[in-house]
Amino acid sequence: MKVLVTGAAGFIGSFVCKALLKRGDTVIGIDNLNNYYDVQLKLDRLQQLKNQNNFRFVHLDIIDSKKLNEIFSQEKLTHVIHLAAQAGVRYSLENPKAYMDSNITGTFNILESCRHFPVQHLVYASSSSVYGLNSKLPYAISDPVDHPASLYAATKKSNELMAHAYSHLFSIPTTGLRFFTVYGPWGRPDMAPMKFAHAIFNNQPIDVYNFGNMQRDFTYIDDIVAGVIKVLDKAPAASIHSGLYRLYNIGNNRPTPLLDFITILENAIGKKAQKNLLPLQPGDVLQTYADIDDLHRDFNFKPQTNLVEGIDKFIAWYKKYYGL
């Protein structure tokens, strides 16, 4: 395969690139290296990939449709994994335009490029955030997702609708994946595992929203990558009901209360957290829980990493990376 990975310097993107390269695929990685969080972390992720002969990195923002089309034209790509996005629920309250530019215009540009330079399969990232204010658990793909709790969630639902339209109109085999709270080594500093670990190691309090009465379906990065690769290798076959378009949850299928997560983190670090208990933040949801029956049925996907094991691996990396 010759695969374009957008968001290649990102958390999930860098791991996906590594897995593709390990099995011998050629990878073109693109990323705009924005400063939403520590750019050095992104550069260090890329450094692990750059010595590979079958990897090429292009510093590019997906809102630049002309340069994006040039890559599609020159590289004769077979597959695309579209992971680039402006991430984060709370940041969408501060800088909504970044979400419209990257998540809406950027994804539109990817779809246009796939239209004019056809590929065998487009896999793109959605999010568990699309379930918004839903109360039924676990979240299933068949559930309505019409009440997003944040602009970020609204853009991700828009991506699913855009991808469906392009798949239907231009016969692009397309699969969307709703990721559930991904964590692990090289993770994003704006997410709870990294934020909490940093605070605990530095004797600073952690902000615990809704007084800890929340739960998340924490999913280890290796399980996410295994699922992404399985999906990539099996493009949708045409059917009467869904055409060439598919959509799946990809999560651990085992939600953990936030306070239990903090206890696991404390045990791995060997230090107690100072908790700053706060009300629920705008845009947050109380719980996430992935129904992955469809993904298991179609791809034999089953997460392998429990939370204690995953957090131990994460903290081991954290200590090494930050020289603790």
C-alpha atoms as a PDB file:
ATOM      1  CA  MET A   1       0.000   0.000   0.000  1.00  0.00           C
ATOM      2  CA  LYS A   2       0.955   3.636  -0.441  1.00  0.00           C
ATOM      3  CA  VAL A   3      -0.845   5.439   2.366  1.00  0.00           C
ATOM      4  CA  LEU A   4      -1.358   9.120   3.088  1.00  0.00           C
ATOM      5  CA  VAL A   5      -1.674   9.734   6.844  1.00  0.00           C
ATOM      6  CA  THR A   6      -2.898  13.193   7.819  1.00  0.00           C
ATOM      7  CA  GLY A   7      -2.013  14.318  11.330  1.00  0.00           C
ATOM      8  CA  ALA A   8       1.146  12.191  11.144  1.00  0.00           C
ATOM      9  CA  ALA A   9       2.844  14.068  13.990  1.00  0.00           C
ATOM     10  CA  GLY A  10      -0.191  13.584  16.214  1.00  0.00           C
ATOM     11  CA  PHE A  11      -0.639  10.983  18.921  1.00  0.00           C
ATOM     12  CA  ILE A  12      -2.662   8.420  16.972  1.00  0.00           C
ATOM     13  CA  GLY A  13      -1.188   9.419  13.604  1.00  0.00           C
ATOM     14  CA  SER A  14       2.421   8.759  14.587  1.00  0.00           C
ATOM     15  CA  PHE A  15       1.562   5.294  15.939  1.00  0.00           C
ATOM     16  CA  VAL A  16      -0.433   4.444  12.806  1.00  0.00           C
ATOM     17  CA  CYS A  17       2.507   5.513  10.616  1.00  0.00           C
ATOM     18  CA  LYS A  18       4.861   3.341  12.673  1.00  0.00           C
ATOM     19  CA  ALA A  19       2.597   0.288  12.308  1.00  0.00           C
ATOM     20  CA  LEU A  20       2.242   0.755   8.543  1.00  0.00           C
ATOM     21  CA  LEU A  21       5.985   1.183   8.081  1.00  0.00           C
ATOM     22  CA  LYS A  22       6.744  -1.862  10.215  1.00  0.00           C
ATOM     23  CA  ARG A  23       4.782  -4.096   7.860  1.00  0.00           C
ATOM     24  CA  GLY A  24       6.376  -2.593   4.741  1.00  0.00           C
ATOM     25  CA  ASP A  25       3.873  -0.040   3.468  1.00  0.00           C
ATOM     26  CA  THR A  26       4.985   3.278   2.013  1.00  0.00           C
ATOM     27  CA  VAL A  27       3.719   6.235   4.049  1.00  0.00           C
ATOM     28  CA  ILE A  28       3.361   9.911   3.179  1.00  0.00           C
ATOM     29  CA  GLY A  29       2.761  11.783   6.420  1.00  0.00           C
ATOM     30  CA  ILE A  30       1.422  15.328   6.537  1.00  0.00           C
ATOM     31  CA  ASP A  31       0.904  17.647   9.497  1.00  0.00           C
ATOM     32  CA  ASN A  32       0.726  21.408  10.044  1.00  0.00           C
ATOM     33  CA  LEU A  33       2.621  21.151  13.369  1.00  0.00           C
ATOM     34  CA  ASN A  34       0.392  23.784  14.976  1.00  0.00           C
ATOM     35  CA  ASN A  35       0.996  25.013  18.512  1.00  0.00           C
ATOM     36  CA  TYR A  36      -2.259  23.816  20.093  1.00  0.00           C
ATOM     37  CA  TYR A  37       0.074  21.831  22.356  1.00  0.00           C
ATOM     38  CA  ASP A  38       3.852  21.374  22.683  1.00  0.00           C
ATOM     39  CA  VAL A  39       5.299  21.292  19.158  1.00  0.00           C
ATOM     40  CA  GLN A  40       8.478  19.602  20.441  1.00  0.00           C
ATOM     41  CA  LEU A  41       6.431  16.534  21.375  1.00  0.00           C
ATOM     42  CA  LYS A  42       5.159  16.374  17.780  1.00  0.00           C
ATOM     43  CA  LEU A  43       8.695  16.753  16.399  1.00  0.00           C
ATOM     44  CA  ASP A  44       9.953  13.996  18.698  1.00  0.00           C
ATOM     45  CA  ARG A  45       7.189  11.678  17.482  1.00  0.00           C
ATOM     46  CA  LEU A  46       8.195  12.437  13.886  1.00  0.00           C
ATOM     47  CA  GLN A  47      11.851  11.801  14.661  1.00  0.00           C
ATOM     48  CA  GLN A  48      10.999   8.160  15.318  1.00  0.00           C
ATOM     49  CA  LEU A  49       9.667   7.878  11.758  1.00  0.00           C
ATOM     50  CA  LYS A  50      12.090   9.968   9.730  1.00  0.00           C
ATOM     51  CA  ASN A  51      14.885   7.406   9.486  1.00  0.00           C
ATOM     52  CA  GLN A  52      12.601   4.975   7.654  1.00  0.00           C
ATOM     53  CA  ASN A  53      13.280   4.657   3.929  1.00  0.00           C
ATOM     54  CA  ASN A  54       9.612   4.297   3.018  1.00  0.00           C
ATOM     55  CA  PHE A  55       8.440   7.349   4.974  1.00  0.00           C
ATOM     56  CA  ARG A  56       8.193  10.907   3.704  1.00  0.00           C
ATOM     57  CA  PHE A  57       6.963  13.833   5.770  1.00  0.00           C
ATOM     58  CA  VAL A  58       5.400  16.940   4.270  1.00  0.00           C
ATOM     59  CA  HIS A  59       4.795  20.002   6.450  1.00  0.00           C
ATOM     60  CA  LEU A  60       1.349  20.923   5.177  1.00  0.00           C
ATOM     61  CA  ASP A  61      -1.975  22.220   6.439  1.00  0.00           C
ATOM     62  CA  ILE A  62      -4.945  20.366   4.960  1.00  0.00           C
ATOM     63  CA  ILE A  63      -6.758  23.665   4.417  1.00  0.00           C
ATOM     64  CA  ASP A  64      -4.283  24.235   1.552  1.00  0.00           C
ATOM     65  CA  SER A  65      -6.252  22.404  -1.139  1.00  0.00           C
ATOM     66  CA  LYS A  66      -3.790  23.189  -3.947  1.00  0.00           C
ATOM     67  CA  LYS A  67      -0.800  21.591  -2.221  1.00  0.00           C
ATOM     68  CA  LEU A  68      -2.946  18.713  -1.022  1.00  0.00           C
ATOM     69  CA  ASN A  69      -4.020  17.968  -4.586  1.00  0.00           C
ATOM     70  CA  GLU A  70      -0.390  18.100  -5.685  1.00  0.00           C
ATOM     71  CA  ILE A  71       0.477  15.330  -3.215  1.00  0.00           C
ATOM     72  CA  PHE A  72      -2.443  13.179  -4.391  1.00  0.00           C
ATOM     73  CA  SER A  73      -1.443  13.764  -8.017  1.00  0.00           C
ATOM     74  CA  GLN A  74       2.274  13.066  -7.557  1.00  0.00           C
ATOM     75  CA  GLU A  75       2.179  10.166  -5.110  1.00  0.00           C
ATOM     76  CA  LYS A  76      -0.450   7.908  -6.725  1.00  0.00           C
ATOM     77  CA  LEU A  77      -1.817   6.947  -3.328  1.00  0.00           C
ATOM     78  CA  THR A  78      -3.734   3.717  -2.761  1.00  0.00           C
ATOM     79  CA  HIS A  79      -5.170   4.533   0.692  1.00  0.00           C
ATOM     80  CA  VAL A  80      -5.803   7.522   2.972  1.00  0.00           C
ATOM     81  CA  ILE A  81      -6.037   7.626   6.771  1.00  0.00           C
ATOM     82  CA  HIS A  82      -7.387  11.051   7.692  1.00  0.00           C
ATOM     83  CA  LEU A  83      -6.617  11.817  11.348  1.00  0.00           C
ATOM     84  CA  ALA A  84      -5.754  15.525  11.160  1.00  0.00           C
ATOM     85  CA  ALA A  85      -8.183  17.698  13.112  1.00  0.00           C
ATOM     86  CA  GLN A  86      -8.391  20.470  15.635  1.00  0.00           C
ATOM     87  CA  ALA A  87      -8.922  18.374  18.739  1.00  0.00           C
ATOM     88  CA  GLY A  88     -10.284  19.169  22.184  1.00  0.00           C
ATOM     89  CA  VAL A  89     -13.760  19.887  23.500  1.00  0.00           C
ATOM     90  CA  ARG A  90     -12.990  22.834  25.794  1.00  0.00           C
ATOM     91  CA  TYR A  91     -10.723  24.637  23.320  1.00  0.00           C
ATOM     92  CA  SER A  92     -13.657  24.815  20.897  1.00  0.00           C
ATOM     93  CA  LEU A  93     -15.200  27.357  23.276  1.00  0.00           C
ATOM     94  CA  GLU A  94     -12.122  29.590  22.971  1.00  0.00           C
ATOM     95  CA  ASN A  95     -11.229  29.262  19.294  1.00  0.00           C
ATOM     96  CA  PRO A  96     -14.197  27.959  17.289  1.00  0.00           C
ATOM     97  CA  LYS A  97     -12.784  29.120  13.946  1.00  0.00           C
ATOM     98  CA  ALA A  98      -9.890  26.663  14.240  1.00  0.00           C
ATOM     99  CA  TYR A  99     -12.461  23.836  14.232  1.00  0.00           C
ATOM    100  CA  MET A 100     -14.266  25.145  11.180  1.00  0.00           C
ATOM    101  CA  ASP A 101     -10.999  25.560   9.276  1.00  0.00           C
ATOM    102  CA  SER A 102      -9.366  22.243  10.105  1.00  0.00           C
ATOM    103  CA  ASN A 103     -12.304  19.907  10.723  1.00  0.00           C
ATOM    104  CA  ILE A 104     -14.785  21.190   8.144  1.00  0.00           C
ATOM    105  CA  THR A 105     -12.723  22.825   5.370  1.00  0.00           C
ATOM    106  CA  GLY A 106      -9.801  20.445   5.863  1.00  0.00           C
ATOM    107  CA  THR A 107     -11.959  17.334   5.670  1.00  0.00           C
ATOM    108  CA  PHE A 108     -13.783  18.753   2.652  1.00  0.00           C
ATOM    109  CA  ASN A 109     -10.398  19.163   0.936  1.00  0.00           C
ATOM    110  CA  ILE A 110      -9.455  15.555   1.710  1.00  0.00           C
ATOM    111  CA  LEU A 111     -12.764  14.347   0.265  1.00  0.00           C
ATOM    112  CA  GLU A 112     -12.302  16.487  -2.856  1.00  0.00           C
ATOM    113  CA  SER A 113      -8.807  15.063  -3.374  1.00  0.00           C
ATOM    114  CA  CYS A 114     -10.137  11.508  -2.990  1.00  0.00           C
ATOM    115  CA  ARG A 115     -12.809  12.400  -5.542  1.00  0.00           C
ATOM    116  CA  HIS A 116     -10.387  13.662  -8.175  1.00  0.00           C
ATOM    117  CA  PHE A 117      -7.553  11.219  -7.413  1.00  0.00           C
ATOM    118  CA  PRO A 118      -9.427   8.034  -6.450  1.00  0.00           C
ATOM    119  CA  VAL A 119      -8.071   5.760  -3.717  1.00  0.00           C
ATOM    120  CA  GLN A 120      -9.015   2.219  -2.742  1.00  0.00           C
ATOM    121  CA  HIS A 121     -10.121   3.199   0.775  1.00  0.00           C
ATOM    122  CA  LEU A 122     -10.484   6.345   2.886  1.00  0.00           C
ATOM    123  CA  VAL A 123     -10.486   5.811   6.662  1.00  0.00           C
ATOM    124  CA  TYR A 124     -11.155   8.891   8.769  1.00  0.00           C
ATOM    125  CA  ALA A 125     -11.376   9.798  12.448  1.00  0.00           C
ATOM    126  CA  SER A 126     -14.650  10.668  14.073  1.00  0.00           C
ATOM    127  CA  SER A 127     -15.158  10.823  17.835  1.00  0.00           C
ATOM    128  CA  SER A 128     -17.241   9.482  20.698  1.00  0.00           C
ATOM    129  CA  SER A 129     -18.091  13.163  21.292  1.00  0.00           C
ATOM    130  CA  VAL A 130     -20.766  12.901  18.583  1.00  0.00           C
ATOM    131  CA  TYR A 131     -23.000  11.041  21.069  1.00  0.00           C
ATOM    132  CA  GLY A 132     -23.295  14.308  22.979  1.00  0.00           C
ATOM    133  CA  LEU A 133     -26.211  14.357  25.370  1.00  0.00           C
ATOM    134  CA  ASN A 134     -27.268  10.742  24.712  1.00  0.00           C
ATOM    135  CA  SER A 135     -28.088   8.863  27.911  1.00  0.00           C
ATOM    136  CA  LYS A 136     -28.493   5.308  26.547  1.00  0.00           C
ATOM    137  CA  LEU A 137     -25.463   3.102  27.199  1.00  0.00           C
ATOM    138  CA  PRO A 138     -23.430   1.659  25.642  1.00  0.00           C
ATOM    139  CA  TYR A 139     -23.299   4.049  22.687  1.00  0.00           C
ATOM    140  CA  ALA A 140     -24.183   2.225  19.480  1.00  0.00           C
ATOM    141  CA  ILE A 141     -23.703   3.351  15.880  1.00  0.00           C
ATOM    142  CA  SER A 142     -27.466   3.042  15.387  1.00  0.00           C
ATOM    143  CA  ASP A 143     -28.163   5.618  18.125  1.00  0.00           C
ATOM    144  CA  PRO A 144     -29.280   9.108  17.019  1.00  0.00           C
ATOM    145  CA  VAL A 145     -26.526  11.720  17.349  1.00  0.00           C
ATOM    146  CA  ASP A 146     -28.469  14.943  16.861  1.00  0.00           C
ATOM    147  CA  HIS A 147     -27.605  16.729  20.123  1.00  0.00           C
ATOM    148  CA  PRO A 148     -23.880  17.544  20.239  1.00  0.00           C
ATOM    149  CA  ALA A 149     -22.622  19.119  23.476  1.00  0.00           C
ATOM    150  CA  SER A 150     -19.742  21.009  21.831  1.00  0.00           C
ATOM    151  CA  LEU A 151     -18.732  22.559  18.521  1.00  0.00           C
ATOM    152  CA  TYR A 152     -15.981  19.940  18.266  1.00  0.00           C
ATOM    153  CA  ALA A 153     -18.636  17.208  18.382  1.00  0.00           C
ATOM    154  CA  ALA A 154     -20.717  19.052  15.798  1.00  0.00           C
ATOM    155  CA  THR A 155     -17.778  19.231  13.384  1.00  0.00           C
ATOM    156  CA  LYS A 156     -17.094  15.518  13.793  1.00  0.00           C
ATOM    157  CA  LYS A 157     -20.720  14.643  13.058  1.00  0.00           C
ATOM    158  CA  SER A 158     -20.491  16.950  10.038  1.00  0.00           C
ATOM    159  CA  ASN A 159     -17.448  14.985   8.861  1.00  0.00           C
ATOM    160  CA  GLU A 160     -19.494  11.779   8.937  1.00  0.00           C
ATOM    161  CA  LEU A 161     -22.261  13.359   6.864  1.00  0.00           C
ATOM    162  CA  MET A 162     -19.805  14.856   4.368  1.00  0.00           C
ATOM    163  CA  ALA A 163     -17.996  11.534   4.006  1.00  0.00           C
ATOM    164  CA  HIS A 164     -21.285   9.716   3.441  1.00  0.00           C
ATOM    165  CA  ALA A 165     -22.300  12.155   0.704  1.00  0.00           C
ATOM    166  CA  TYR A 166     -18.958  11.864  -1.105  1.00  0.00           C
ATOM    167  CA  SER A 167     -18.914   8.099  -0.760  1.00  0.00           C
ATOM    168  CA  HIS A 168     -22.432   7.895  -2.209  1.00  0.00           C
ATOM    169  CA  LEU A 169     -21.907  10.408  -5.031  1.00  0.00           C
ATOM    170  CA  PHE A 170     -18.412   9.449  -6.147  1.00  0.00           C
ATOM    171  CA  SER A 171     -18.150   5.768  -5.122  1.00  0.00           C
ATOM    172  CA  ILE A 172     -15.343   6.342  -2.619  1.00  0.00           C
ATOM    173  CA  PRO A 173     -14.958   3.365  -0.227  1.00  0.00           C
ATOM    174  CA  THR A 174     -15.089   5.162   3.111  1.00  0.00           C
ATOM    175  CA  THR A 175     -14.976   4.092   6.761  1.00  0.00           C
ATOM    176  CA  GLY A 176     -15.394   6.381   9.766  1.00  0.00           C
ATOM    177  CA  LEU A 177     -14.138   5.463  13.231  1.00  0.00           C
ATOM    178  CA  ARG A 178     -15.520   7.010  16.402  1.00  0.00           C
ATOM    179  CA  PHE A 179     -12.553   6.967  18.795  1.00  0.00           C
ATOM    180  CA  PHE A 180     -13.142   6.624  22.539  1.00  0.00           C
ATOM    181  CA  THR A 181     -10.662   8.419  24.883  1.00  0.00           C
ATOM    182  CA  VAL A 182      -7.320   7.206  23.544  1.00  0.00           C
ATOM    183  CA  TYR A 183      -4.360   7.165  25.962  1.00  0.00           C
ATOM    184  CA  GLY A 184      -0.820   5.804  26.189  1.00  0.00           C
ATOM    185  CA  PRO A 185       2.828   6.757  25.578  1.00  0.00           C
ATOM    186  CA  TRP A 186       3.343   9.899  23.478  1.00  0.00           C
ATOM    187  CA  GLY A 187      -0.214  10.991  24.344  1.00  0.00           C
ATOM    188  CA  ARG A 188      -1.706  14.468  24.023  1.00  0.00           C
ATOM    189  CA  PRO A 189      -0.816  16.912  26.823  1.00  0.00           C
ATOM    190  CA  ASP A 190      -4.342  18.384  26.791  1.00  0.00           C
ATOM    191  CA  MET A 191      -5.939  15.075  27.802  1.00  0.00           C
ATOM    192  CA  ALA A 192      -6.489  13.848  31.357  1.00  0.00           C
ATOM    193  CA  PRO A 193      -3.744  11.161  31.557  1.00  0.00           C
ATOM    194  CA  MET A 194      -0.965  13.596  30.607  1.00  0.00           C
ATOM    195  CA  LYS A 195      -2.443  16.575  32.489  1.00  0.00           C
ATOM    196  CA  PHE A 196      -2.966  14.556  35.652  1.00  0.00           C
ATOM    197  CA  ALA A 197       0.436  12.848  35.483  1.00  0.00           C
ATOM    198  CA  HIS A 198       2.194  16.188  35.015  1.00  0.00           C
ATOM    199  CA  ALA A 199       0.364  17.719  37.962  1.00  0.00           C
ATOM    200  CA  ILE A 200       0.955  14.768  40.306  1.00  0.00           C
ATOM    201  CA  PHE A 201       4.670  14.570  39.489  1.00  0.00           C
ATOM    202  CA  ASN A 202       4.991  18.328  40.084  1.00  0.00           C
ATOM    203  CA  ASN A 203       2.956  18.389  43.316  1.00  0.00           C
ATOM    204  CA  GLN A 204       0.211  20.453  41.718  1.00  0.00           C
ATOM    205  CA  PRO A 205      -3.561  19.951  42.162  1.00  0.00           C
ATOM    206  CA  ILE A 206      -5.602  18.306  39.405  1.00  0.00           C
ATOM    207  CA  ASP A 207      -8.951  19.713  38.295  1.00  0.00           C
ATOM    208  CA  VAL A 208     -11.625  17.019  38.668  1.00  0.00           C
ATOM    209  CA  TYR A 209     -14.845  18.096  36.964  1.00  0.00           C
ATOM    210  CA  ASN A 210     -18.369  17.232  38.038  1.00  0.00           C
ATOM    211  CA  PHE A 211     -16.761  16.366  41.389  1.00  0.00           C
ATOM    212  CA  GLY A 212     -15.454  13.148  39.834  1.00  0.00           C
ATOM    213  CA  ASN A 213     -18.877  11.804  38.852  1.00  0.00           C
ATOM    214  CA  MET A 214     -17.894  10.919  35.294  1.00  0.00           C
ATOM    215  CA  GLN A 215     -16.724   7.834  33.452  1.00  0.00           C
ATOM    216  CA  ARG A 216     -14.759   7.278  30.268  1.00  0.00           C
ATOM    217  CA  ASP A 217     -14.095   4.321  27.979  1.00  0.00           C
ATOM    218  CA  PHE A 218     -10.290   4.659  28.084  1.00  0.00           C
ATOM    219  CA  THR A 219      -8.727   2.898  25.075  1.00  0.00           C
ATOM    220  CA  TYR A 220      -5.023   2.074  24.843  1.00  0.00           C
ATOM    221  CA  ILE A 221      -3.179   3.350  21.786  1.00  0.00           C
ATOM    222  CA  ASP A 222      -1.986  -0.100  20.609  1.00  0.00           C
ATOM    223  CA  ASP A 223      -5.589  -1.352  20.532  1.00  0.00           C
ATOM    224  CA  ILE A 224      -6.686   1.707  18.552  1.00  0.00           C
ATOM    225  CA  VAL A 225      -3.899   1.235  16.007  1.00  0.00           C
ATOM    226  CA  ALA A 226      -4.657  -2.479  15.607  1.00  0.00           C
ATOM    227  CA  GLY A 227      -8.278  -1.587  14.874  1.00  0.00           C
ATOM    228  CA  VAL A 228      -7.386   1.164  12.400  1.00  0.00           C
ATOM    229  CA  ILE A 229      -5.107  -1.186  10.442  1.00  0.00           C
ATOM    230  CA  LYS A 230      -7.689  -3.983  10.388  1.00  0.00           C
ATOM    231  CA  VAL A 231     -10.287  -1.556   9.021  1.00  0.00           C
ATOM    232  CA  LEU A 232      -7.895  -0.074   6.459  1.00  0.00           C
ATOM    233  CA  ASP A 233      -7.179  -3.512   4.997  1.00  0.00           C
ATOM    234  CA  LYS A 234     -10.833  -4.305   4.372  1.00  0.00           C
ATOM    235  CA  ALA A 235     -12.573  -1.650   2.312  1.00  0.00           C
ATOM    236  CA  PRO A 236     -16.381  -1.650   2.341  1.00  0.00           C
ATOM    237  CA  ALA A 237     -18.050  -3.717  -0.346  1.00  0.00           C
ATOM    238  CA  ALA A 238     -21.089  -2.186  -2.007  1.00  0.00           C
ATOM    239  CA  SER A 239     -24.449  -2.962  -0.421  1.00  0.00           C
ATOM    240  CA  ILE A 240     -28.009  -1.803  -1.032  1.00  0.00           C
ATOM    241  CA  HIS A 241     -28.379  -0.069   2.338  1.00  0.00           C
ATOM    242  CA  SER A 242     -24.993   1.547   3.015  1.00  0.00           C
ATOM    243  CA  GLY A 243     -23.241   1.680  -0.349  1.00  0.00           C
ATOM    244  CA  LEU A 244     -19.489   1.945   0.090  1.00  0.00           C
ATOM    245  CA  TYR A 245     -19.758   3.726   3.444  1.00  0.00           C
ATOM    246  CA  ARG A 246     -19.234   2.248   6.934  1.00  0.00           C
ATOM    247  CA  LEU A 247     -19.089   3.679  10.447  1.00  0.00           C
ATOM    248  CA  TYR A 248     -17.831   2.012  13.642  1.00  0.00           C
ATOM    249  CA  ASN A 249     -17.124   2.710  17.293  1.00  0.00           C
ATOM    250  CA  ILE A 250     -13.586   1.870  18.346  1.00  0.00           C
ATOM    251  CA  GLY A 251     -13.136   1.746  22.106  1.00  0.00           C
ATOM    252  CA  ASN A 252     -12.238  -0.426  25.057  1.00  0.00           C
ATOM    253  CA  ASN A 253     -15.889  -1.437  25.681  1.00  0.00           C
ATOM    254  CA  ARG A 254     -15.260  -1.016  29.422  1.00  0.00           C
ATOM    255  CA  PRO A 255     -15.937   2.403  30.986  1.00  0.00           C
ATOM    256  CA  THR A 256     -14.021   3.459  34.108  1.00  0.00           C
ATOM    257  CA  PRO A 257     -15.204   5.984  36.724  1.00  0.00           C
ATOM    258  CA  LEU A 258     -12.934   9.035  36.752  1.00  0.00           C
ATOM    259  CA  LEU A 259     -12.018   8.629  40.430  1.00  0.00           C
ATOM    260  CA  ASP A 260     -11.009   4.995  39.798  1.00  0.00           C
ATOM    261  CA  PHE A 261      -8.851   6.162  36.888  1.00  0.00           C
ATOM    262  CA  ILE A 262      -7.126   8.669  39.173  1.00  0.00           C
ATOM    263  CA  THR A 263      -6.463   5.915  41.738  1.00  0.00           C
ATOM    264  CA  ILE A 264      -4.855   3.733  39.040  1.00  0.00           C
ATOM    265  CA  LEU A 265      -2.723   6.691  37.977  1.00  0.00           C
ATOM    266  CA  GLU A 266      -1.691   7.392  41.596  1.00  0.00           C
ATOM    267  CA  ASN A 267      -0.687   3.734  42.054  1.00  0.00           C
ATOM    268  CA  ALA A 268       1.440   3.764  38.899  1.00  0.00           C
ATOM    269  CA  ILE A 269       3.180   6.994  39.924  1.00  0.00           C
ATOM    270  CA  GLY A 270       3.451   6.065  43.600  1.00  0.00           C
ATOM    271  CA  LYS A 271       2.052   9.382  44.730  1.00  0.00           C
ATOM    272  CA  LYS A 272      -1.334  10.759  45.754  1.00  0.00           C
ATOM    273  CA  ALA A 273      -3.100  13.453  43.721  1.00  0.00           C
ATOM    274  CA  GLN A 274      -4.331  16.716  45.191  1.00  0.00           C
ATOM    275  CA  LYS A 275      -7.876  16.915  43.845  1.00  0.00           C
ATOM    276  CA  ASN A 276      -9.545  20.222  43.035  1.00  0.00           C
ATOM    277  CA  LEU A 277     -13.211  19.194  42.766  1.00  0.00           C
ATOM    278  CA  LEU A 278     -15.163  21.380  40.335  1.00  0.00           C
ATOM    279  CA  PRO A 279     -18.605  21.497  38.647  1.00  0.00           C
ATOM    280  CA  LEU A 280     -19.222  20.034  35.178  1.00  0.00           C
ATOM    281  CA  GLN A 281     -17.614  22.101  32.432  1.00  0.00           C
ATOM    282  CA  PRO A 282     -19.534  23.353  29.361  1.00  0.00           C
ATOM    283  CA  GLY A 283     -19.158  20.858  26.509  1.00  0.00           C
ATOM    284  CA  ASP A 284     -18.297  17.882  28.739  1.00  0.00           C
ATOM    285  CA  VAL A 285     -20.404  14.729  28.807  1.00  0.00           C
ATOM    286  CA  LEU A 286     -20.916  12.549  31.877  1.00  0.00           C
ATOM    287  CA  GLN A 287     -19.981   9.191  30.397  1.00  0.00           C
ATOM    288  CA  THR A 288     -18.751   7.348  27.329  1.00  0.00           C
ATOM    289  CA  TYR A 289     -19.078   3.628  26.645  1.00  0.00           C
ATOM    290  CA  ALA A 290     -18.476   2.044  23.236  1.00  0.00           C
ATOM    291  CA  ASP A 291     -20.636  -0.701  21.780  1.00  0.00           C
ATOM    292  CA  ILE A 292     -18.081  -2.427  19.519  1.00  0.00           C
ATOM    293  CA  ASP A 293     -20.169  -5.435  18.459  1.00  0.00           C
ATOM    294  CA  ASP A 294     -20.127  -4.344  14.800  1.00  0.00           C
ATOM    295  CA  LEU A 295     -16.362  -3.920  14.782  1.00  0.00           C
ATOM    296  CA  HIS A 296     -15.879  -7.302  16.429  1.00  0.00           C
ATOM    297  CA  ARG A 297     -18.264  -8.968  13.974  1.00  0.00           C
ATOM    298  CA  ASP A 298     -16.721  -7.470  10.821  1.00  0.00           C
ATOM    299  CA  PHE A 299     -13.032  -7.355  11.826  1.00  0.00           C
ATOM    300  CA  ASN A 300     -12.665  -9.650  14.842  1.00  0.00           C
ATOM    301  CA  PHE A 301     -11.539  -6.593  16.805  1.00  0.00           C
ATOM    302  CA  LYS A 302     -11.183  -6.959  20.558  1.00  0.00           C
ATOM    303  CA  PRO A 303      -9.141  -4.657  22.833  1.00  0.00           C
ATOM    304  CA  GLN A 304      -6.238  -6.452  24.535  1.00  0.00           C
ATOM    305  CA  THR A 305      -4.979  -3.907  27.080  1.00  0.00           C
ATOM    306  CA  ASN A 306      -6.602  -3.348  30.471  1.00  0.00           C
ATOM    307  CA  LEU A 307      -6.370   0.070  32.104  1.00  0.00           C
ATOM    308  CA  VAL A 308      -3.866  -0.859  34.819  1.00  0.00           C
ATOM    309  CA  GLU A 309      -1.478  -2.360  32.262  1.00  0.00           C
ATOM    310  CA  GLY A 310      -1.929   0.589  29.890  1.00  0.00           C
ATOM    311  CA  ILE A 311      -1.364   3.221  32.574  1.00  0.00           C
ATOM    312  CA  ASP A 312       1.778   1.402  33.772  1.00  0.00           C
ATOM    313  CA  LYS A 313       3.176   1.563  30.223  1.00  0.00           C
ATOM    314  CA  PHE A 314       2.177   5.210  29.908  1.00  0.00           C
ATOM    315  CA  ILE A 315       3.861   6.226  33.178  1.00  0.00           C
ATOM    316  CA  ALA A 316       7.033   4.265  32.276  1.00  0.00           C
ATOM    317  CA  TRP A 317       7.223   6.261  29.028  1.00  0.00           C
ATOM    318  CA  TYR A 318       6.410   9.533  30.814  1.00  0.00           C
ATOM    319  CA  LYS A 319       9.288   9.078  33.282  1.00  0.00           C
ATOM    320  CA  LYS A 320      11.722   8.246  30.500  1.00  0.00           C
ATOM    321  CA  TYR A 321      10.631  11.056  28.144  1.00  0.00           C
ATOM    322  CA  TYR A 322      10.677  13.755  30.826  1.00  0.00           C
ATOM    323  CA  GLY A 323      13.817  12.426  32.521  1.00  0.00           C
ATOM    324  CA  LEU A 324      12.229  11.656  35.879  1.00  0.00           C
END
